[in-house]
Amino acid sequence: IDAVSERVVCALTDPKPLDICMPVLNAVLAAQYYEVFAALRLPQTIAVYEPCVGASPPVIFATEAYSGGMGSYLTINLNKKLRAELDGKIAHLKTSIRVIEDNALEAAAALPDQSFDVACFHHAINDILQTAVAEPRGMDTTAIDWFPNERQMIEWLAEDFQKDRLESRGKPEIMSIVTNATRMVKPGGYLVFDHFNWC
């Protein structure tokens, strides 16, 4: 962790729950994904696909640990600020990591069939739904600072849910990305969804 002493001082003098718990939560989630990879008996040279990673590294950390840096990881990430944050968190890893800066709906359709052992949906469902309700309202989700705007996106999502609009905006995007993932996973491969997902 960068600037450990400064983070400790800040945590003690001006505590912010996410600053304290996120490194621990990321480590726990990475360990859980590692255990899932092991339970599924995925190959040590694991090939992982994760749509819409944002700045969340647990699946990447699990890929690194499980493969000893010999695996590969691919994601499609739309938000530029979150991509920059992610780059800072994973720069030290040995795993082959490819980040495609594009919309997962479009870019995934161009990825080859049967090329991954597992597709992981850590928090992709949230991001897909939030983007689906925010973009039509004029929010450019490629450029925004995600977290200060997330509450508004969640409120729009609740509004669209209450008005039964997710069938036309939200669900089609999710179904397209999940369908592409099923095509991209090798025979005998897996789709893994964790508890961060909701819809």
N, C-alpha and C. Protein backbone atom coordinates (compact mmCIF):
# COMPACT_ATOMS: atom_id res chain seq x y z
N ILE A 1 0.86 -1.18 0.00
CA ILE A 1 0.00 0.00 0.00
C ILE A 1 0.90 1.23 0.00
N ASP A 2 0.61 2.13 -0.93
CA ASP A 2 1.38 3.38 -1.00
C ASP A 2 1.11 4.26 0.22
N ALA A 3 2.12 4.98 0.65
CA ALA A 3 2.00 5.99 1.71
C ALA A 3 1.33 5.42 2.97
N VAL A 4 1.83 4.29 3.44
CA VAL A 4 1.21 3.62 4.59
C VAL A 4 1.18 4.53 5.81
N SER A 5 2.30 5.18 6.12
CA SER A 5 2.34 6.00 7.34
C SER A 5 1.34 7.15 7.26
N GLU A 6 1.21 7.78 6.08
CA GLU A 6 0.24 8.87 5.93
C GLU A 6 -1.19 8.35 6.08
N ARG A 7 -1.45 7.16 5.56
CA ARG A 7 -2.79 6.58 5.68
C ARG A 7 -3.13 6.25 7.13
N VAL A 8 -2.14 5.77 7.87
CA VAL A 8 -2.36 5.46 9.28
C VAL A 8 -2.67 6.74 10.05
N VAL A 9 -1.88 7.80 9.83
CA VAL A 9 -2.12 9.07 10.51
C VAL A 9 -3.51 9.59 10.17
N CYS A 10 -3.86 9.55 8.88
CA CYS A 10 -5.19 10.03 8.46
C CYS A 10 -6.29 9.18 9.09
N ALA A 11 -6.10 7.87 9.12
CA ALA A 11 -7.12 6.98 9.70
C ALA A 11 -7.33 7.28 11.18
N LEU A 12 -6.25 7.66 11.88
CA LEU A 12 -6.35 7.94 13.31
C LEU A 12 -6.87 9.34 13.60
N THR A 13 -6.52 10.32 12.74
CA THR A 13 -6.89 11.71 13.02
C THR A 13 -8.17 12.14 12.31
N ASP A 14 -8.46 11.55 11.15
CA ASP A 14 -9.65 11.91 10.39
C ASP A 14 -10.19 10.65 9.73
N PRO A 15 -10.74 9.74 10.55
CA PRO A 15 -11.13 8.43 10.00
C PRO A 15 -12.24 8.52 8.96
N LYS A 16 -12.02 7.81 7.87
CA LYS A 16 -13.02 7.65 6.82
C LYS A 16 -13.17 6.14 6.63
N PRO A 17 -14.34 5.61 6.84
CA PRO A 17 -14.51 4.15 6.82
C PRO A 17 -13.93 3.47 5.58
N LEU A 18 -14.14 4.03 4.39
CA LEU A 18 -13.63 3.37 3.19
C LEU A 18 -12.11 3.34 3.14
N ASP A 19 -11.44 4.41 3.62
CA ASP A 19 -9.98 4.43 3.63
C ASP A 19 -9.43 3.31 4.50
N ILE A 20 -10.14 3.01 5.57
CA ILE A 20 -9.68 1.99 6.50
C ILE A 20 -10.03 0.60 6.00
N CYS A 21 -11.26 0.43 5.54
CA CYS A 21 -11.72 -0.93 5.26
C CYS A 21 -11.47 -1.41 3.84
N MET A 22 -11.32 -0.53 2.85
CA MET A 22 -11.19 -0.99 1.47
C MET A 22 -9.98 -1.90 1.24
N PRO A 23 -8.80 -1.57 1.75
CA PRO A 23 -7.69 -2.51 1.55
C PRO A 23 -7.97 -3.89 2.15
N VAL A 24 -8.61 -3.91 3.30
CA VAL A 24 -8.94 -5.19 3.94
C VAL A 24 -10.02 -5.90 3.12
N LEU A 25 -11.05 -5.18 2.72
CA LEU A 25 -12.12 -5.78 1.92
C LEU A 25 -11.56 -6.34 0.61
N ASN A 26 -10.70 -5.57 -0.07
CA ASN A 26 -10.11 -6.06 -1.32
C ASN A 26 -9.30 -7.33 -1.11
N ALA A 27 -8.58 -7.40 0.00
CA ALA A 27 -7.80 -8.61 0.30
C ALA A 27 -8.72 -9.80 0.56
N VAL A 28 -9.80 -9.58 1.30
CA VAL A 28 -10.75 -10.65 1.59
C VAL A 28 -11.42 -11.13 0.30
N LEU A 29 -11.85 -10.18 -0.53
CA LEU A 29 -12.50 -10.56 -1.79
C LEU A 29 -11.53 -11.31 -2.71
N ALA A 30 -10.28 -10.86 -2.76
CA ALA A 30 -9.28 -11.55 -3.57
C ALA A 30 -9.08 -12.98 -3.07
N ALA A 31 -9.02 -13.15 -1.76
CA ALA A 31 -8.87 -14.49 -1.18
C ALA A 31 -10.08 -15.36 -1.52
N GLN A 32 -11.27 -14.77 -1.49
CA GLN A 32 -12.47 -15.53 -1.84
C GLN A 32 -12.43 -15.96 -3.30
N TYR A 33 -12.04 -15.06 -4.19
CA TYR A 33 -11.93 -15.44 -5.61
C TYR A 33 -10.87 -16.51 -5.80
N TYR A 34 -9.75 -16.40 -5.10
CA TYR A 34 -8.71 -17.42 -5.18
C TYR A 34 -9.31 -18.79 -4.81
N GLU A 35 -10.06 -18.83 -3.72
CA GLU A 35 -10.68 -20.07 -3.27
C GLU A 35 -11.68 -20.61 -4.29
N VAL A 36 -12.41 -19.72 -4.94
CA VAL A 36 -13.34 -20.14 -6.00
C VAL A 36 -12.56 -20.75 -7.16
N PHE A 37 -11.47 -20.08 -7.58
CA PHE A 37 -10.65 -20.62 -8.67
C PHE A 37 -10.13 -22.02 -8.32
N ALA A 38 -9.69 -22.17 -7.08
CA ALA A 38 -9.15 -23.47 -6.65
C ALA A 38 -10.27 -24.51 -6.59
N ALA A 39 -11.42 -24.15 -6.06
CA ALA A 39 -12.53 -25.10 -5.95
C ALA A 39 -13.01 -25.55 -7.33
N LEU A 40 -12.93 -24.67 -8.30
CA LEU A 40 -13.34 -25.00 -9.66
C LEU A 40 -12.25 -25.74 -10.44
N ARG A 41 -11.08 -25.85 -9.81
CA ARG A 41 -9.92 -26.52 -10.41
C ARG A 41 -9.57 -25.91 -11.77
N LEU A 42 -9.54 -24.60 -11.78
CA LEU A 42 -9.15 -23.90 -13.00
C LEU A 42 -7.65 -24.09 -13.23
N PRO A 43 -7.20 -24.02 -14.47
CA PRO A 43 -5.76 -24.22 -14.74
C PRO A 43 -4.91 -23.14 -14.08
N GLN A 44 -3.69 -23.50 -13.70
CA GLN A 44 -2.79 -22.52 -13.07
C GLN A 44 -2.49 -21.35 -14.01
N THR A 45 -2.49 -21.59 -15.30
CA THR A 45 -2.30 -20.51 -16.27
C THR A 45 -3.66 -19.93 -16.66
N ILE A 46 -4.42 -19.61 -15.68
CA ILE A 46 -5.81 -19.18 -15.81
C ILE A 46 -5.94 -17.96 -16.74
N ALA A 47 -6.98 -17.97 -17.56
CA ALA A 47 -7.33 -16.83 -18.40
C ALA A 47 -8.66 -16.29 -17.88
N VAL A 48 -8.66 -15.04 -17.41
CA VAL A 48 -9.81 -14.44 -16.74
C VAL A 48 -10.33 -13.26 -17.54
N TYR A 49 -11.64 -13.20 -17.67
CA TYR A 49 -12.33 -12.04 -18.26
C TYR A 49 -13.22 -11.42 -17.19
N GLU A 50 -13.12 -10.10 -17.05
CA GLU A 50 -13.98 -9.39 -16.09
C GLU A 50 -14.50 -8.12 -16.75
N PRO A 51 -15.77 -8.08 -17.13
CA PRO A 51 -16.28 -6.83 -17.70
C PRO A 51 -16.42 -5.76 -16.62
N CYS A 52 -16.19 -4.53 -16.99
CA CYS A 52 -16.50 -3.38 -16.13
C CYS A 52 -15.82 -3.45 -14.77
N VAL A 53 -14.51 -3.54 -14.76
CA VAL A 53 -13.77 -3.67 -13.50
C VAL A 53 -13.79 -2.38 -12.68
N GLY A 54 -13.92 -1.24 -13.32
CA GLY A 54 -13.81 0.02 -12.59
C GLY A 54 -12.42 0.16 -12.01
N ALA A 55 -12.31 0.43 -10.72
CA ALA A 55 -11.01 0.52 -10.05
C ALA A 55 -10.86 -0.58 -9.02
N SER A 56 -11.64 -1.64 -9.15
CA SER A 56 -11.71 -2.69 -8.13
C SER A 56 -10.80 -3.86 -8.49
N PRO A 57 -9.72 -4.09 -7.75
CA PRO A 57 -8.72 -5.08 -8.14
C PRO A 57 -8.83 -6.51 -7.59
N PRO A 58 -9.83 -6.89 -6.78
CA PRO A 58 -9.79 -8.22 -6.18
C PRO A 58 -9.64 -9.39 -7.16
N VAL A 59 -10.35 -9.36 -8.27
CA VAL A 59 -10.25 -10.47 -9.23
C VAL A 59 -8.85 -10.50 -9.85
N ILE A 60 -8.28 -9.34 -10.08
CA ILE A 60 -6.92 -9.27 -10.63
C ILE A 60 -5.92 -9.82 -9.62
N PHE A 61 -6.06 -9.42 -8.36
CA PHE A 61 -5.17 -9.94 -7.32
C PHE A 61 -5.30 -11.46 -7.19
N ALA A 62 -6.52 -11.96 -7.26
CA ALA A 62 -6.72 -13.41 -7.18
C ALA A 62 -6.09 -14.12 -8.37
N THR A 63 -6.20 -13.53 -9.55
CA THR A 63 -5.57 -14.11 -10.74
C THR A 63 -4.06 -14.17 -10.57
N GLU A 64 -3.49 -13.10 -10.06
CA GLU A 64 -2.03 -13.05 -9.81
C GLU A 64 -1.62 -14.13 -8.81
N ALA A 65 -2.33 -14.22 -7.70
CA ALA A 65 -1.96 -15.18 -6.66
C ALA A 65 -2.17 -16.61 -7.12
N TYR A 66 -3.28 -16.87 -7.76
CA TYR A 66 -3.61 -18.24 -8.18
C TYR A 66 -2.63 -18.75 -9.24
N SER A 67 -2.24 -17.87 -10.15
CA SER A 67 -1.38 -18.29 -11.26
C SER A 67 0.10 -18.05 -11.01
N GLY A 68 0.43 -17.43 -9.88
CA GLY A 68 1.82 -17.05 -9.64
C GLY A 68 2.33 -16.08 -10.69
N GLY A 69 1.43 -15.26 -11.21
CA GLY A 69 1.80 -14.28 -12.23
C GLY A 69 1.85 -14.85 -13.64
N MET A 70 1.46 -16.11 -13.80
CA MET A 70 1.53 -16.75 -15.12
C MET A 70 0.19 -16.74 -15.85
N GLY A 71 -0.84 -16.20 -15.24
CA GLY A 71 -2.15 -16.15 -15.87
C GLY A 71 -2.30 -14.93 -16.76
N SER A 72 -3.52 -14.76 -17.26
CA SER A 72 -3.84 -13.58 -18.06
C SER A 72 -5.21 -13.06 -17.64
N TYR A 73 -5.38 -11.77 -17.81
CA TYR A 73 -6.59 -11.09 -17.36
C TYR A 73 -6.96 -10.04 -18.40
N LEU A 74 -8.24 -9.99 -18.75
CA LEU A 74 -8.72 -8.98 -19.69
C LEU A 74 -9.99 -8.35 -19.14
N THR A 75 -10.08 -7.05 -19.27
CA THR A 75 -11.29 -6.34 -18.87
C THR A 75 -11.60 -5.27 -19.89
N ILE A 76 -12.84 -4.84 -19.86
CA ILE A 76 -13.29 -3.70 -20.65
C ILE A 76 -13.73 -2.67 -19.63
N ASN A 77 -13.12 -1.49 -19.70
CA ASN A 77 -13.34 -0.47 -18.67
C ASN A 77 -13.64 0.86 -19.35
N LEU A 78 -14.74 1.46 -19.05
CA LEU A 78 -15.20 2.66 -19.74
C LEU A 78 -14.75 3.96 -19.08
N ASN A 79 -14.70 4.01 -17.75
CA ASN A 79 -14.44 5.26 -17.05
C ASN A 79 -12.94 5.53 -16.93
N LYS A 80 -12.51 6.67 -17.45
CA LYS A 80 -11.08 7.00 -17.51
C LYS A 80 -10.46 7.22 -16.12
N LYS A 81 -11.19 7.87 -15.21
CA LYS A 81 -10.65 8.11 -13.87
C LYS A 81 -10.48 6.79 -13.11
N LEU A 82 -11.47 5.91 -13.21
CA LEU A 82 -11.36 4.62 -12.54
C LEU A 82 -10.23 3.79 -13.16
N ARG A 83 -10.05 3.90 -14.48
CA ARG A 83 -8.95 3.18 -15.14
C ARG A 83 -7.61 3.65 -14.58
N ALA A 84 -7.43 4.95 -14.41
CA ALA A 84 -6.19 5.48 -13.86
C ALA A 84 -5.96 4.98 -12.43
N GLU A 85 -7.02 4.95 -11.63
CA GLU A 85 -6.91 4.42 -10.26
C GLU A 85 -6.51 2.95 -10.28
N LEU A 86 -7.13 2.18 -11.16
CA LEU A 86 -6.82 0.76 -11.27
C LEU A 86 -5.36 0.56 -11.67
N ASP A 87 -4.89 1.32 -12.64
CA ASP A 87 -3.49 1.19 -13.08
C ASP A 87 -2.52 1.34 -11.92
N GLY A 88 -2.80 2.29 -11.03
CA GLY A 88 -1.94 2.49 -9.87
C GLY A 88 -1.95 1.32 -8.91
N LYS A 89 -3.07 0.61 -8.84
CA LYS A 89 -3.19 -0.52 -7.91
C LYS A 89 -2.56 -1.81 -8.44
N ILE A 90 -2.40 -1.92 -9.76
CA ILE A 90 -1.96 -3.19 -10.34
C ILE A 90 -0.62 -3.12 -11.06
N ALA A 91 0.02 -1.96 -11.05
CA ALA A 91 1.26 -1.77 -11.82
C ALA A 91 2.36 -2.75 -11.43
N HIS A 92 2.36 -3.22 -10.21
CA HIS A 92 3.43 -4.10 -9.71
C HIS A 92 3.22 -5.57 -10.05
N LEU A 93 2.09 -5.94 -10.63
CA LEU A 93 1.77 -7.34 -10.85
C LEU A 93 2.49 -7.91 -12.06
N LYS A 94 2.72 -9.23 -12.06
CA LYS A 94 3.38 -9.92 -13.17
C LYS A 94 2.40 -10.47 -14.20
N THR A 95 1.16 -10.67 -13.78
CA THR A 95 0.14 -11.23 -14.66
C THR A 95 -0.02 -10.36 -15.91
N SER A 96 -0.23 -11.00 -17.06
CA SER A 96 -0.53 -10.29 -18.29
C SER A 96 -1.92 -9.68 -18.16
N ILE A 97 -1.99 -8.35 -18.14
CA ILE A 97 -3.25 -7.64 -17.93
C ILE A 97 -3.51 -6.74 -19.14
N ARG A 98 -4.70 -6.90 -19.72
CA ARG A 98 -5.10 -6.05 -20.85
C ARG A 98 -6.39 -5.36 -20.47
N VAL A 99 -6.39 -4.03 -20.59
CA VAL A 99 -7.59 -3.24 -20.32
C VAL A 99 -8.00 -2.56 -21.62
N ILE A 100 -9.20 -2.88 -22.08
CA ILE A 100 -9.74 -2.24 -23.28
C ILE A 100 -10.62 -1.09 -22.82
N GLU A 101 -10.28 0.11 -23.28
CA GLU A 101 -11.09 1.28 -22.92
C GLU A 101 -12.21 1.42 -23.93
N ASP A 102 -13.37 0.92 -23.58
CA ASP A 102 -14.50 0.94 -24.50
C ASP A 102 -15.75 0.57 -23.72
N ASN A 103 -16.87 0.63 -24.38
CA ASN A 103 -18.13 0.19 -23.82
C ASN A 103 -18.18 -1.33 -23.91
N ALA A 104 -18.47 -1.99 -22.82
CA ALA A 104 -18.46 -3.46 -22.79
C ALA A 104 -19.49 -4.06 -23.74
N LEU A 105 -20.57 -3.33 -24.00
CA LEU A 105 -21.58 -3.84 -24.93
C LEU A 105 -21.01 -4.01 -26.33
N GLU A 106 -20.19 -3.05 -26.74
CA GLU A 106 -19.64 -3.09 -28.10
C GLU A 106 -18.35 -3.90 -28.17
N ALA A 107 -17.46 -3.67 -27.26
CA ALA A 107 -16.14 -4.30 -27.34
C ALA A 107 -16.20 -5.81 -27.12
N ALA A 108 -17.06 -6.28 -26.22
CA ALA A 108 -17.13 -7.71 -25.94
C ALA A 108 -17.57 -8.50 -27.16
N ALA A 109 -18.40 -7.90 -27.99
CA ALA A 109 -18.87 -8.60 -29.19
C ALA A 109 -17.72 -8.92 -30.15
N ALA A 110 -16.62 -8.17 -30.06
CA ALA A 110 -15.50 -8.39 -30.96
C ALA A 110 -14.44 -9.33 -30.39
N LEU A 111 -14.60 -9.75 -29.13
CA LEU A 111 -13.61 -10.64 -28.52
C LEU A 111 -13.84 -12.08 -28.97
N PRO A 112 -12.78 -12.87 -29.04
CA PRO A 112 -12.91 -14.23 -29.60
C PRO A 112 -13.68 -15.19 -28.69
N ASP A 113 -14.32 -16.15 -29.34
CA ASP A 113 -15.04 -17.20 -28.62
C ASP A 113 -14.07 -18.10 -27.87
N GLN A 114 -14.55 -18.69 -26.79
CA GLN A 114 -13.86 -19.74 -26.06
C GLN A 114 -12.39 -19.41 -25.75
N SER A 115 -12.16 -18.21 -25.22
CA SER A 115 -10.79 -17.82 -24.93
C SER A 115 -10.47 -17.64 -23.45
N PHE A 116 -11.47 -17.84 -22.58
CA PHE A 116 -11.25 -17.62 -21.15
C PHE A 116 -11.72 -18.83 -20.35
N ASP A 117 -11.04 -19.07 -19.23
CA ASP A 117 -11.45 -20.15 -18.32
C ASP A 117 -12.62 -19.73 -17.44
N VAL A 118 -12.69 -18.43 -17.16
CA VAL A 118 -13.72 -17.93 -16.26
C VAL A 118 -14.01 -16.47 -16.59
N ALA A 119 -15.28 -16.10 -16.47
CA ALA A 119 -15.69 -14.70 -16.56
C ALA A 119 -16.23 -14.32 -15.19
N CYS A 120 -15.66 -13.27 -14.60
CA CYS A 120 -16.01 -12.86 -13.24
C CYS A 120 -16.78 -11.55 -13.27
N PHE A 121 -17.90 -11.53 -12.58
CA PHE A 121 -18.73 -10.34 -12.47
C PHE A 121 -18.68 -9.89 -11.02
N HIS A 122 -17.63 -9.12 -10.69
CA HIS A 122 -17.46 -8.68 -9.30
C HIS A 122 -18.44 -7.57 -8.96
N HIS A 123 -18.39 -6.48 -9.69
CA HIS A 123 -19.41 -5.45 -9.50
C HIS A 123 -19.89 -4.92 -10.84
N ALA A 124 -19.71 -5.70 -11.87
CA ALA A 124 -20.09 -5.30 -13.22
C ALA A 124 -21.59 -5.02 -13.36
N ILE A 125 -22.41 -5.83 -12.71
CA ILE A 125 -23.85 -5.65 -12.85
C ILE A 125 -24.26 -4.26 -12.36
N ASN A 126 -23.70 -3.83 -11.24
CA ASN A 126 -23.99 -2.48 -10.75
C ASN A 126 -23.59 -1.43 -11.78
N ASP A 127 -22.38 -1.53 -12.30
CA ASP A 127 -21.89 -0.52 -13.25
C ASP A 127 -22.70 -0.51 -14.53
N ILE A 128 -23.08 -1.68 -15.01
CA ILE A 128 -23.87 -1.77 -16.24
C ILE A 128 -25.23 -1.09 -16.04
N LEU A 129 -25.88 -1.40 -14.92
CA LEU A 129 -27.18 -0.78 -14.64
C LEU A 129 -27.06 0.72 -14.43
N GLN A 130 -26.05 1.14 -13.67
CA GLN A 130 -25.90 2.56 -13.40
C GLN A 130 -25.61 3.34 -14.69
N THR A 131 -24.79 2.79 -15.56
CA THR A 131 -24.51 3.44 -16.83
C THR A 131 -25.76 3.50 -17.69
N ALA A 132 -26.53 2.41 -17.71
CA ALA A 132 -27.74 2.35 -18.53
C ALA A 132 -28.77 3.40 -18.14
N VAL A 133 -28.84 3.75 -16.85
CA VAL A 133 -29.82 4.75 -16.43
C VAL A 133 -29.23 6.16 -16.43
N ALA A 134 -27.92 6.29 -16.37
CA ALA A 134 -27.29 7.62 -16.31
C ALA A 134 -27.07 8.24 -17.68
N GLU A 135 -26.63 7.45 -18.63
CA GLU A 135 -26.31 7.99 -19.96
C GLU A 135 -27.51 8.69 -20.61
N PRO A 136 -28.71 8.09 -20.61
CA PRO A 136 -29.85 8.78 -21.22
C PRO A 136 -30.24 10.08 -20.52
N ARG A 137 -29.78 10.23 -19.28
CA ARG A 137 -30.08 11.46 -18.53
C ARG A 137 -28.97 12.50 -18.70
N GLY A 138 -28.04 12.22 -19.59
CA GLY A 138 -27.00 13.20 -19.91
C GLY A 138 -25.72 13.07 -19.14
N MET A 139 -25.56 12.06 -18.31
CA MET A 139 -24.33 11.89 -17.56
C MET A 139 -23.34 11.09 -18.39
N ASP A 140 -22.18 11.67 -18.63
CA ASP A 140 -21.12 11.00 -19.39
C ASP A 140 -20.33 10.11 -18.45
N THR A 141 -20.65 8.83 -18.42
CA THR A 141 -20.02 7.93 -17.45
C THR A 141 -18.59 7.58 -17.84
N THR A 142 -18.10 8.02 -18.98
CA THR A 142 -16.70 7.79 -19.32
C THR A 142 -15.79 8.79 -18.61
N ALA A 143 -16.32 9.96 -18.28
CA ALA A 143 -15.47 11.03 -17.76
C ALA A 143 -15.76 11.45 -16.32
N ILE A 144 -16.89 11.04 -15.77
CA ILE A 144 -17.25 11.50 -14.43
C ILE A 144 -16.34 10.91 -13.36
N ASP A 145 -16.31 11.61 -12.24
CA ASP A 145 -15.74 11.04 -11.02
C ASP A 145 -16.84 10.15 -10.45
N TRP A 146 -16.67 8.83 -10.56
CA TRP A 146 -17.76 7.88 -10.35
C TRP A 146 -18.40 7.98 -8.98
N PHE A 147 -17.59 7.93 -7.93
CA PHE A 147 -18.15 7.78 -6.58
C PHE A 147 -18.97 8.98 -6.12
N PRO A 148 -18.56 10.23 -6.38
CA PRO A 148 -19.44 11.34 -5.99
C PRO A 148 -20.77 11.35 -6.75
N ASN A 149 -20.82 10.70 -7.92
CA ASN A 149 -22.03 10.66 -8.73
C ASN A 149 -22.84 9.37 -8.55
N GLU A 150 -22.27 8.41 -7.83
CA GLU A 150 -22.91 7.11 -7.72
C GLU A 150 -24.27 7.18 -7.03
N ARG A 151 -24.39 8.00 -6.00
CA ARG A 151 -25.68 8.09 -5.30
C ARG A 151 -26.78 8.53 -6.27
N GLN A 152 -26.47 9.52 -7.13
CA GLN A 152 -27.47 9.98 -8.11
C GLN A 152 -27.84 8.84 -9.06
N MET A 153 -26.84 8.06 -9.50
CA MET A 153 -27.12 6.95 -10.41
C MET A 153 -27.98 5.89 -9.73
N ILE A 154 -27.73 5.64 -8.46
CA ILE A 154 -28.53 4.67 -7.72
C ILE A 154 -29.97 5.17 -7.56
N GLU A 155 -30.13 6.47 -7.33
CA GLU A 155 -31.47 7.03 -7.23
C GLU A 155 -32.21 6.90 -8.56
N TRP A 156 -31.51 7.15 -9.67
CA TRP A 156 -32.13 6.98 -10.99
C TRP A 156 -32.49 5.52 -11.23
N LEU A 157 -31.63 4.64 -10.78
CA LEU A 157 -31.88 3.21 -10.93
C LEU A 157 -33.14 2.81 -10.15
N ALA A 158 -33.26 3.31 -8.92
CA ALA A 158 -34.46 3.03 -8.11
C ALA A 158 -35.71 3.60 -8.78
N GLU A 159 -35.58 4.79 -9.32
CA GLU A 159 -36.72 5.41 -10.02
C GLU A 159 -37.14 4.56 -11.23
N ASP A 160 -36.16 4.14 -12.02
CA ASP A 160 -36.48 3.33 -13.20
C ASP A 160 -37.05 1.98 -12.80
N PHE A 161 -36.56 1.42 -11.69
CA PHE A 161 -37.11 0.16 -11.20
C PHE A 161 -38.58 0.34 -10.80
N GLN A 162 -38.85 1.40 -10.05
CA GLN A 162 -40.22 1.67 -9.59
C GLN A 162 -41.18 1.88 -10.76
N LYS A 163 -40.67 2.43 -11.86
CA LYS A 163 -41.52 2.71 -13.02
C LYS A 163 -41.43 1.62 -14.09
N ASP A 164 -40.86 0.45 -13.71
CA ASP A 164 -40.75 -0.71 -14.62
C ASP A 164 -40.04 -0.37 -15.92
N ARG A 165 -39.00 0.45 -15.84
CA ARG A 165 -38.26 0.82 -17.06
C ARG A 165 -37.01 -0.01 -17.27
N LEU A 166 -36.63 -0.87 -16.32
CA LEU A 166 -35.39 -1.63 -16.47
C LEU A 166 -35.51 -2.72 -17.53
N GLU A 167 -36.71 -3.11 -17.89
CA GLU A 167 -36.89 -4.08 -18.97
C GLU A 167 -36.36 -3.53 -20.28
N SER A 168 -36.49 -2.22 -20.47
CA SER A 168 -36.05 -1.62 -21.74
C SER A 168 -34.69 -0.94 -21.63
N ARG A 169 -34.27 -0.60 -20.42
CA ARG A 169 -33.00 0.10 -20.23
C ARG A 169 -32.36 -0.47 -18.96
N GLY A 170 -31.39 -1.30 -19.14
CA GLY A 170 -30.70 -1.95 -18.02
C GLY A 170 -30.62 -3.45 -18.26
N LYS A 171 -31.77 -4.09 -18.30
CA LYS A 171 -31.78 -5.54 -18.52
C LYS A 171 -31.20 -5.93 -19.87
N PRO A 172 -31.53 -5.25 -20.98
CA PRO A 172 -30.93 -5.65 -22.26
C PRO A 172 -29.40 -5.54 -22.25
N GLU A 173 -28.87 -4.52 -21.59
CA GLU A 173 -27.41 -4.36 -21.51
C GLU A 173 -26.78 -5.49 -20.71
N ILE A 174 -27.39 -5.82 -19.58
CA ILE A 174 -26.88 -6.92 -18.76
C ILE A 174 -26.91 -8.23 -19.55
N MET A 175 -28.05 -8.51 -20.16
CA MET A 175 -28.19 -9.76 -20.89
C MET A 175 -27.19 -9.86 -22.04
N SER A 176 -26.92 -8.76 -22.70
CA SER A 176 -25.94 -8.76 -23.79
C SER A 176 -24.54 -9.07 -23.28
N ILE A 177 -24.15 -8.44 -22.18
CA ILE A 177 -22.80 -8.65 -21.64
C ILE A 177 -22.65 -10.06 -21.08
N VAL A 178 -23.68 -10.56 -20.41
CA VAL A 178 -23.61 -11.93 -19.89
C VAL A 178 -23.60 -12.94 -21.04
N THR A 179 -24.40 -12.71 -22.05
CA THR A 179 -24.42 -13.59 -23.22
C THR A 179 -23.06 -13.63 -23.90
N ASN A 180 -22.44 -12.46 -24.07
CA ASN A 180 -21.10 -12.43 -24.65
C ASN A 180 -20.11 -13.20 -23.78
N ALA A 181 -20.25 -13.08 -22.47
CA ALA A 181 -19.34 -13.81 -21.58
C ALA A 181 -19.50 -15.32 -21.74
N THR A 182 -20.73 -15.79 -21.90
CA THR A 182 -20.93 -17.24 -22.07
C THR A 182 -20.27 -17.72 -23.36
N ARG A 183 -20.26 -16.89 -24.37
CA ARG A 183 -19.62 -17.23 -25.64
C ARG A 183 -18.10 -17.23 -25.52
N MET A 184 -17.58 -16.34 -24.70
CA MET A 184 -16.13 -16.17 -24.59
C MET A 184 -15.47 -17.19 -23.67
N VAL A 185 -16.27 -17.84 -22.80
CA VAL A 185 -15.71 -18.83 -21.87
C VAL A 185 -15.55 -20.17 -22.60
N LYS A 186 -14.43 -20.82 -22.34
CA LYS A 186 -14.14 -22.12 -22.95
C LYS A 186 -15.16 -23.16 -22.50
N PRO A 187 -15.34 -24.24 -23.28
CA PRO A 187 -16.20 -25.33 -22.81
C PRO A 187 -15.70 -25.83 -21.45
N GLY A 188 -16.63 -26.00 -20.53
CA GLY A 188 -16.26 -26.40 -19.17
C GLY A 188 -15.84 -25.23 -18.30
N GLY A 189 -15.86 -24.01 -18.85
CA GLY A 189 -15.51 -22.82 -18.07
C GLY A 189 -16.68 -22.34 -17.24
N TYR A 190 -16.49 -21.22 -16.57
CA TYR A 190 -17.48 -20.76 -15.60
C TYR A 190 -17.75 -19.27 -15.71
N LEU A 191 -18.96 -18.88 -15.28
CA LEU A 191 -19.29 -17.49 -14.98
C LEU A 191 -19.40 -17.40 -13.47
N VAL A 192 -18.74 -16.43 -12.86
CA VAL A 192 -18.76 -16.27 -11.41
C VAL A 192 -19.33 -14.90 -11.07
N PHE A 193 -20.39 -14.90 -10.28
CA PHE A 193 -21.02 -13.66 -9.81
C PHE A 193 -20.86 -13.62 -8.30
N ASP A 194 -20.48 -12.46 -7.77
CA ASP A 194 -20.35 -12.40 -6.31
C ASP A 194 -21.41 -11.50 -5.70
N HIS A 195 -21.34 -11.36 -4.38
CA HIS A 195 -22.38 -10.67 -3.62
C HIS A 195 -22.44 -9.16 -3.87
N PHE A 196 -21.50 -8.58 -4.58
CA PHE A 196 -21.58 -7.16 -4.88
C PHE A 196 -22.62 -6.87 -5.96
N ASN A 197 -23.15 -7.91 -6.58
CA ASN A 197 -24.08 -7.71 -7.69
C ASN A 197 -25.51 -7.69 -7.20
N TRP A 198 -26.32 -6.82 -7.81
CA TRP A 198 -27.73 -6.76 -7.49
C TRP A 198 -28.43 -6.14 -8.68
N CYS A 199 -29.67 -6.46 -8.85
CA CYS A 199 -30.45 -5.83 -9.92
C CYS A 199 -31.93 -5.98 -9.62
